Amino acid sequence: MERITIKAYAVKHKLSMFNVMKMIKTGEVKSDVFNEKGREVTYILYDDESEKKIEAQIVPLDEKEEDEMTETLDALSALRAEVKALREEVDALKKQLLEVPIKEKRCSPQT
């Protein structure tokens, strides 16, 4: 059995550290707490048999979810381009306003 940190385990299986901690608390993953330099560090006991079971439980992203994510990213990039164009238009209008001379109103002197 190999010892692996929670962070390394999360990176290896593309999970969040929170989900790994939940797996430890529910007992899905074998773990042990060691005292290193006065700190308690939790290590996951990594073996091939338990990993096969866990990998079967981890749900991979479906192609549908990936397509939805791609569509969302495309929409986001289109919105960013539109915002950029609108900002350029606003800047051009501001420049035009600064170039227009301001006519002063003169009041007639009161007698």
Protein backbone atom coordinates (compact mmCIF):
# COMPACT_ATOMS: atom_id res chain seq x y z
CA MET A 1 0.00 0.00 0.00
CA GLU A 2 1.20 3.42 -0.95
CA ARG A 3 0.54 6.62 0.99
CA ILE A 4 -0.72 9.60 -0.98
CA THR A 5 -1.82 13.03 0.21
CA ILE A 6 -5.38 14.27 -0.17
CA LYS A 7 -4.32 16.91 -2.68
CA ALA A 8 -2.38 14.43 -4.83
CA TYR A 9 -5.32 12.02 -4.77
CA ALA A 10 -7.72 14.80 -5.80
CA VAL A 11 -5.47 15.83 -8.69
CA LYS A 12 -4.99 12.25 -9.83
CA HIS A 13 -8.74 11.53 -9.97
CA LYS A 14 -9.77 15.06 -11.05
CA LEU A 15 -11.87 15.56 -7.92
CA SER A 16 -12.18 18.45 -5.53
CA MET A 17 -10.44 18.17 -2.19
CA PHE A 18 -13.85 18.56 -0.56
CA ASN A 19 -15.15 15.45 -2.34
CA VAL A 20 -12.03 13.51 -1.33
CA MET A 21 -12.59 14.53 2.30
CA LYS A 22 -16.21 13.34 2.03
CA MET A 23 -14.99 10.01 0.66
CA ILE A 24 -12.62 9.68 3.63
CA LYS A 25 -15.34 10.52 6.16
CA THR A 26 -17.80 8.01 4.64
CA GLY A 27 -15.13 5.32 4.54
CA GLU A 28 -15.07 4.86 0.77
CA VAL A 29 -11.31 5.43 0.85
CA LYS A 30 -8.93 3.99 3.40
CA SER A 31 -6.97 6.68 5.19
CA ASP A 32 -4.65 7.16 8.11
CA VAL A 33 -3.62 10.21 10.11
CA PHE A 34 0.08 10.74 10.78
CA ASN A 35 1.78 13.32 12.96
CA GLU A 36 4.43 15.19 10.99
CA LYS A 37 6.32 18.05 12.60
CA GLY A 38 3.59 18.59 15.15
CA ARG A 39 0.78 18.63 12.56
CA GLU A 40 -1.76 15.95 11.84
CA VAL A 41 -1.62 15.02 8.15
CA THR A 42 -4.16 12.71 6.56
CA TYR A 43 -2.85 10.27 3.98
CA ILE A 44 -4.88 8.02 1.74
CA LEU A 45 -3.75 4.41 1.64
CA TYR A 46 -3.58 3.72 -2.08
CA ASP A 47 -3.92 0.19 -3.42
CA ASP A 48 -5.01 -1.11 -6.82
CA GLU A 49 -8.00 -3.17 -5.64
CA SER A 50 -9.80 -0.32 -3.91
CA GLU A 51 -8.92 2.07 -6.74
CA LYS A 52 -10.78 -0.04 -9.29
CA LYS A 53 -13.93 0.16 -7.16
CA ILE A 54 -13.56 3.89 -6.64
CA GLU A 55 -12.90 4.63 -10.32
CA ALA A 56 -16.12 2.80 -11.16
CA GLN A 57 -18.00 5.07 -8.72
CA ILE A 58 -16.53 8.31 -10.11
CA VAL A 59 -18.86 9.61 -12.80
CA PRO A 60 -16.99 11.00 -15.81
CA LEU A 61 -18.26 14.01 -17.74
CA ASP A 62 -20.71 13.02 -20.42
CA GLU A 63 -20.27 14.24 -23.96
CA LYS A 64 -23.52 16.14 -23.52
CA GLU A 65 -22.09 18.08 -20.57
CA GLU A 66 -18.93 18.79 -22.56
CA ASP A 67 -21.03 20.05 -25.49
CA GLU A 68 -23.03 22.29 -23.15
CA MET A 69 -19.79 23.61 -21.71
CA THR A 70 -18.45 24.33 -25.20
CA GLU A 71 -21.66 26.15 -26.15
CA THR A 72 -21.46 28.20 -22.97
CA LEU A 73 -17.84 29.15 -23.69
CA ASP A 74 -18.76 30.13 -27.25
CA ALA A 75 -21.61 32.33 -25.99
CA LEU A 76 -19.28 33.88 -23.43
CA SER A 77 -16.67 34.75 -26.07
CA ALA A 78 -19.40 36.28 -28.27
CA LEU A 79 -20.60 38.40 -25.35
CA ARG A 80 -17.05 39.54 -24.61
CA ALA A 81 -16.61 40.61 -28.25
CA GLU A 82 -19.89 42.54 -28.10
CA VAL A 83 -18.85 44.27 -24.86
CA LYS A 84 -15.53 45.22 -26.44
CA ALA A 85 -17.29 46.72 -29.47
CA LEU A 86 -19.69 48.65 -27.24
CA ARG A 87 -16.84 50.04 -25.15
CA GLU A 88 -15.07 51.22 -28.30
CA GLU A 89 -18.28 52.90 -29.45
CA VAL A 90 -18.70 54.63 -26.08
CA ASP A 91 -15.09 55.87 -26.21
CA ALA A 92 -15.65 57.27 -29.72
CA LEU A 93 -18.81 59.08 -28.59
CA LYS A 94 -16.96 60.55 -25.60
CA LYS A 95 -14.26 61.91 -27.92
CA GLN A 96 -16.93 63.49 -30.15
CA LEU A 97 -18.51 65.17 -27.16
CA LEU A 98 -15.19 66.65 -26.09
CA GLU A 99 -14.60 68.09 -29.57
CA VAL A 100 -17.95 69.92 -29.73
CA PRO A 101 -17.49 73.57 -28.68
CA ILE A 102 -19.55 74.73 -25.77
CA LYS A 103 -21.56 77.87 -26.49
CA GLU A 104 -21.64 80.25 -23.62
CA LYS A 105 -24.87 81.97 -22.77
CA ARG A 106 -24.46 85.62 -22.06
CA CYS A 107 -26.90 87.36 -19.91
CA SER A 108 -27.88 90.91 -20.65
CA PRO A 109 -26.78 93.32 -17.98
CA GLN A 110 -29.52 94.40 -15.67
CA THR A 111 -30.12 98.06 -15.37
